[in-house]
Amino acid sequence: MQKILSRVRCAVQEYDMIKSGDKIAVGVSGGKDSLILLIALCELQRFYPEKYELIAVIIDMQFENMPTNYDEIEKICNKYNIKSVIKRTGLYNVIFNNRKEKNPCSLCANMRRGILHNIAKEQGCNKIALGHHLDDAVETMLMNLFRCGRAESFRPVTYLSRKDLYMIRPLILTEESDIIRITEKQNLPVIESKCIMDKTSEREKTKQLIENLEKEYPNLKNNVINALKHGKISGW
């Protein structure tokens, strides 16, 4: 965990993500990335010079119209003495049963993001932390390049003027392999995704492409991140 904490602190400092007095809503899905993000920010809170407050926000899509059990995640929140908010939604029913979306990922992401933004504002937060890591940034860069002809990825820090919220991504310099290793080592209570689109998305195809390319170019991911940093890409 020390390596991840070091990467998180580096990202937070490099991109000036956290200021004293911030109240940060951590988007927690129950997957490995959001759990590591939650724990890393809780641990960082203990020694980081800028003092901030955390709240875990959990949005339950209620797959197959059944509520998800988040008891183990709430135990983590209790351990670190932070508040958790669980929002039960009908997103699964709306997207897959009512609208019968053939390509639901974009709509799903937008709807979940809107709910997260609203809860963050209701809870008095000025920032939202998301669990996007280094691999996600690389995949997004390549997807934009191949599909749209744009050399860009999401930013480490994004300001949403309509909501007056900052989106921060403290895992942006952390590789997914390290997240997987720590998750397994600490036996964290990961909630496996029940989404029927899991492992079939465009992102999953890009992930597999990168895995194949890394056999020939071992430093591919770090080179892409360096290209974002040194290529005058906005926000990097």
Protein backbone atom coordinates (compact mmCIF):
# COMPACT_ATOMS: atom_id res chain seq x y z
CA MET A 1 0.00 0.00 0.00
CA GLN A 2 2.96 2.28 0.60
CA LYS A 3 3.75 2.42 -3.12
CA ILE A 4 0.18 3.42 -3.97
CA LEU A 5 0.17 6.04 -1.21
CA SER A 6 3.38 7.47 -2.63
CA ARG A 7 1.86 7.64 -6.13
CA VAL A 8 -1.33 9.22 -4.80
CA ARG A 9 0.56 11.84 -2.84
CA CYS A 10 2.69 12.60 -5.90
CA ALA A 11 -0.43 13.06 -8.07
CA VAL A 12 -2.21 15.18 -5.46
CA GLN A 13 0.83 17.47 -5.12
CA GLU A 14 1.76 17.60 -8.82
CA TYR A 15 -1.75 18.60 -9.89
CA ASP A 16 -2.67 20.58 -6.76
CA MET A 17 -5.73 18.39 -6.16
CA ILE A 18 -6.42 19.01 -2.47
CA LYS A 19 -6.51 22.19 -0.38
CA SER A 20 -7.15 22.67 3.33
CA GLY A 21 -10.87 22.83 4.03
CA ASP A 22 -11.88 20.68 1.07
CA LYS A 23 -14.81 18.35 1.52
CA ILE A 24 -14.37 15.51 -0.95
CA ALA A 25 -17.03 13.06 -2.11
CA VAL A 26 -15.34 9.78 -3.04
CA GLY A 27 -17.26 7.91 -5.70
CA VAL A 28 -17.33 4.29 -4.49
CA SER A 29 -18.74 1.60 -6.76
CA GLY A 30 -17.37 -1.29 -4.72
CA GLY A 31 -14.87 -2.24 -7.42
CA LYS A 32 -11.14 -2.54 -6.76
CA ASP A 33 -10.26 0.94 -8.05
CA SER A 34 -12.76 2.86 -5.94
CA LEU A 35 -11.94 0.81 -2.82
CA ILE A 36 -8.22 1.51 -3.17
CA LEU A 37 -9.00 5.19 -3.82
CA LEU A 38 -11.13 5.38 -0.67
CA ILE A 39 -8.52 3.70 1.53
CA ALA A 40 -5.63 5.68 0.02
CA LEU A 41 -7.36 9.02 0.65
CA CYS A 42 -8.23 7.94 4.20
CA GLU A 43 -4.61 6.97 4.87
CA LEU A 44 -3.27 10.12 3.21
CA GLN A 45 -5.59 12.17 5.42
CA ARG A 46 -3.56 11.10 8.45
CA PHE A 47 -0.31 12.83 7.43
CA TYR A 48 -1.01 15.14 4.48
CA PRO A 49 -0.35 18.78 5.43
CA GLU A 50 -3.56 20.04 3.78
CA LYS A 51 -6.47 19.01 6.03
CA TYR A 52 -9.59 17.76 4.27
CA GLU A 53 -12.84 15.89 4.92
CA LEU A 54 -14.06 12.77 3.14
CA ILE A 55 -17.47 11.26 2.47
CA ALA A 56 -18.07 8.00 0.58
CA VAL A 57 -20.85 8.18 -2.01
CA ILE A 58 -22.23 4.88 -3.27
CA ILE A 59 -24.69 4.74 -6.18
CA ASP A 60 -26.51 1.43 -6.39
CA MET A 61 -27.83 0.66 -9.89
CA GLN A 62 -29.77 -2.26 -8.40
CA PHE A 63 -28.93 -4.79 -11.10
CA GLU A 64 -31.80 -7.17 -11.77
CA ASN A 65 -33.84 -4.79 -9.56
CA MET A 66 -32.11 -6.06 -6.41
CA PRO A 67 -30.27 -3.85 -3.89
CA THR A 68 -26.54 -4.49 -3.54
CA ASN A 69 -25.09 -5.35 -0.14
CA TYR A 70 -22.50 -2.72 0.84
CA ASP A 71 -22.04 -3.80 4.46
CA GLU A 72 -18.31 -4.51 4.07
CA ILE A 73 -17.68 -1.13 2.48
CA GLU A 74 -19.56 0.57 5.29
CA LYS A 75 -17.26 -1.25 7.72
CA ILE A 76 -14.27 0.35 5.98
CA CYS A 77 -15.93 3.75 6.31
CA ASN A 78 -16.59 3.11 10.00
CA LYS A 79 -12.97 2.07 10.50
CA TYR A 80 -11.79 5.43 9.18
CA ASN A 81 -14.65 7.31 10.81
CA ILE A 82 -16.03 8.77 7.58
CA LYS A 83 -19.64 9.17 6.53
CA SER A 84 -21.11 6.98 3.79
CA VAL A 85 -24.15 7.78 1.65
CA ILE A 86 -25.86 5.03 -0.34
CA LYS A 87 -28.24 6.11 -3.10
CA ARG A 88 -30.52 3.34 -4.36
CA THR A 89 -31.53 3.99 -7.97
CA GLY A 90 -33.54 2.40 -10.75
CA LEU A 91 -30.80 2.93 -13.34
CA TYR A 92 -30.60 -0.74 -14.31
CA ASN A 93 -34.33 -0.89 -14.97
CA VAL A 94 -34.38 2.40 -16.88
CA ILE A 95 -31.40 1.66 -19.12
CA PHE A 96 -31.80 -2.06 -19.81
CA ASN A 97 -35.52 -2.76 -19.42
CA ASN A 98 -37.35 0.46 -20.24
CA ARG A 99 -35.06 2.02 -22.86
CA LYS A 100 -33.43 -1.25 -23.96
CA GLU A 101 -30.25 0.60 -24.92
CA LYS A 102 -28.05 -1.29 -27.39
CA ASN A 103 -25.01 0.78 -26.41
CA PRO A 104 -25.79 1.69 -22.81
CA CYS A 105 -22.34 2.55 -21.43
CA SER A 106 -22.32 6.24 -22.31
CA LEU A 107 -25.86 6.87 -21.05
CA CYS A 108 -25.18 4.90 -17.87
CA ALA A 109 -22.00 6.86 -17.14
CA ASN A 110 -23.74 10.19 -17.72
CA MET A 111 -26.68 9.30 -15.46
CA ARG A 112 -24.48 8.00 -12.66
CA ARG A 113 -22.26 11.07 -12.94
CA GLY A 114 -25.29 13.37 -12.66
CA ILE A 115 -26.50 11.59 -9.52
CA LEU A 116 -23.00 11.74 -8.01
CA HIS A 117 -22.75 15.48 -8.71
CA ASN A 118 -26.12 16.13 -7.07
CA ILE A 119 -25.27 14.11 -3.95
CA ALA A 120 -21.90 15.86 -3.64
CA LYS A 121 -23.63 19.25 -3.68
CA GLU A 122 -26.30 18.09 -1.22
CA GLN A 123 -23.55 16.98 1.17
CA GLY A 124 -21.71 20.30 0.93
CA CYS A 125 -18.74 18.91 -1.00
CA ASN A 126 -16.62 21.05 -3.30
CA LYS A 127 -14.71 18.18 -4.89
CA ILE A 128 -15.38 14.66 -6.16
CA ALA A 129 -12.65 12.00 -6.25
CA LEU A 130 -12.89 9.34 -8.96
CA GLY A 131 -10.98 6.07 -9.22
CA HIS A 132 -9.53 6.49 -12.71
CA HIS A 133 -5.95 5.21 -12.76
CA LEU A 134 -2.96 5.41 -15.11
CA ASP A 135 -4.19 2.57 -17.32
CA ASP A 136 -7.57 4.29 -17.75
CA ALA A 137 -5.82 7.47 -18.90
CA VAL A 138 -3.73 5.55 -21.44
CA GLU A 139 -6.76 3.67 -22.75
CA THR A 140 -8.73 6.89 -23.12
CA MET A 141 -5.85 8.52 -24.97
CA LEU A 142 -5.63 5.67 -27.48
CA MET A 143 -9.40 5.43 -27.89
CA ASN A 144 -9.59 9.14 -28.70
CA LEU A 145 -6.64 8.85 -31.08
CA PHE A 146 -7.94 5.81 -32.96
CA ARG A 147 -11.64 6.71 -33.01
CA CYS A 148 -11.66 10.52 -33.12
CA GLY A 149 -8.21 11.57 -34.28
CA ARG A 150 -7.60 13.53 -31.06
CA ALA A 151 -4.50 13.20 -28.87
CA GLU A 152 -6.16 13.76 -25.48
CA SER A 153 -7.38 12.04 -22.35
CA PHE A 154 -9.40 13.06 -19.31
CA ARG A 155 -7.65 15.58 -17.07
CA PRO A 156 -6.25 14.85 -13.61
CA VAL A 157 -8.35 17.80 -12.37
CA THR A 158 -11.51 19.08 -14.06
CA TYR A 159 -13.68 22.02 -13.04
CA LEU A 160 -17.42 21.73 -13.63
CA SER A 161 -18.63 25.32 -13.83
CA ARG A 162 -22.34 24.45 -13.91
CA LYS A 163 -22.06 22.58 -10.61
CA ASP A 164 -19.13 24.52 -9.15
CA LEU A 165 -17.38 21.21 -8.45
CA TYR A 166 -13.86 19.95 -9.06
CA MET A 167 -13.32 16.38 -10.24
CA ILE A 168 -9.99 14.97 -9.04
CA ARG A 169 -8.33 11.69 -9.94
CA PRO A 170 -5.72 10.87 -7.27
CA LEU A 171 -4.91 7.43 -8.80
CA ILE A 172 -3.88 8.99 -12.12
CA LEU A 173 -0.21 7.97 -11.63
CA THR A 174 -1.02 4.52 -10.20
CA GLU A 175 -0.91 1.45 -12.45
CA GLU A 176 -3.79 -1.01 -12.41
CA SER A 177 -1.41 -3.91 -11.71
CA ASP A 178 -0.47 -2.33 -8.36
CA ILE A 179 -4.15 -1.86 -7.51
CA ILE A 180 -4.87 -5.51 -8.28
CA ARG A 181 -1.89 -6.68 -6.23
CA ILE A 182 -2.84 -4.71 -3.12
CA THR A 183 -6.52 -5.61 -3.44
CA GLU A 184 -5.64 -9.31 -3.44
CA LYS A 185 -2.96 -8.99 -0.76
CA GLN A 186 -5.30 -7.21 1.66
CA ASN A 187 -8.28 -9.35 0.66
CA LEU A 188 -10.45 -6.28 0.17
CA PRO A 189 -14.23 -6.82 -0.14
CA VAL A 190 -14.49 -6.12 -3.86
CA ILE A 191 -18.02 -6.22 -5.27
CA GLU A 192 -17.90 -7.89 -8.66
CA SER A 193 -19.73 -6.07 -11.42
CA LYS A 194 -23.07 -7.54 -12.46
CA CYS A 195 -23.31 -5.40 -15.57
CA ILE A 196 -24.10 -7.43 -18.67
CA MET A 197 -21.83 -5.13 -20.70
CA ASP A 198 -18.81 -5.90 -18.55
CA LYS A 199 -15.80 -7.11 -20.57
CA THR A 200 -17.54 -6.30 -23.87
CA SER A 201 -17.01 -2.53 -24.11
CA GLU A 202 -14.73 -0.58 -26.43
CA ARG A 203 -12.50 0.14 -23.44
CA GLU A 204 -12.02 -3.57 -22.82
CA LYS A 205 -10.92 -4.05 -26.44
CA THR A 206 -8.43 -1.21 -26.05
CA LYS A 207 -7.14 -2.74 -22.81
CA GLN A 208 -6.45 -6.02 -24.62
CA LEU A 209 -4.73 -4.14 -27.46
CA ILE A 210 -2.42 -2.41 -24.98
CA GLU A 211 -1.57 -5.73 -23.33
CA ASN A 212 -0.50 -7.09 -26.70
CA LEU A 213 1.48 -3.98 -27.63
CA GLU A 214 3.32 -4.05 -24.29
CA LYS A 215 4.94 -7.33 -25.29
CA GLU A 216 6.77 -5.38 -27.99
CA TYR A 217 6.94 -2.01 -26.19
CA PRO A 218 7.26 -2.63 -22.41
CA ASN A 219 7.25 1.09 -21.53
CA LEU A 220 4.19 1.87 -23.63
CA LYS A 221 1.92 3.13 -20.83
CA ASN A 222 4.51 5.35 -19.19
CA ASN A 223 5.48 6.72 -22.62
CA VAL A 224 1.85 7.65 -23.32
CA ILE A 225 1.57 9.41 -19.94
CA ASN A 226 4.82 11.27 -20.63
CA ALA A 227 3.46 12.28 -24.04
CA LEU A 228 0.39 13.72 -22.31
CA LYS A 229 2.55 15.59 -19.80
CA HIS A 230 5.09 16.98 -22.27
CA GLY A 231 2.87 17.38 -25.32
CA LYS A 232 1.05 20.46 -24.01
CA ILE A 233 -2.16 18.45 -23.61
CA SER A 234 -4.66 20.60 -21.68
CA GLY A 235 -4.71 19.87 -17.95
CA TRP A 236 -1.64 17.64 -17.95
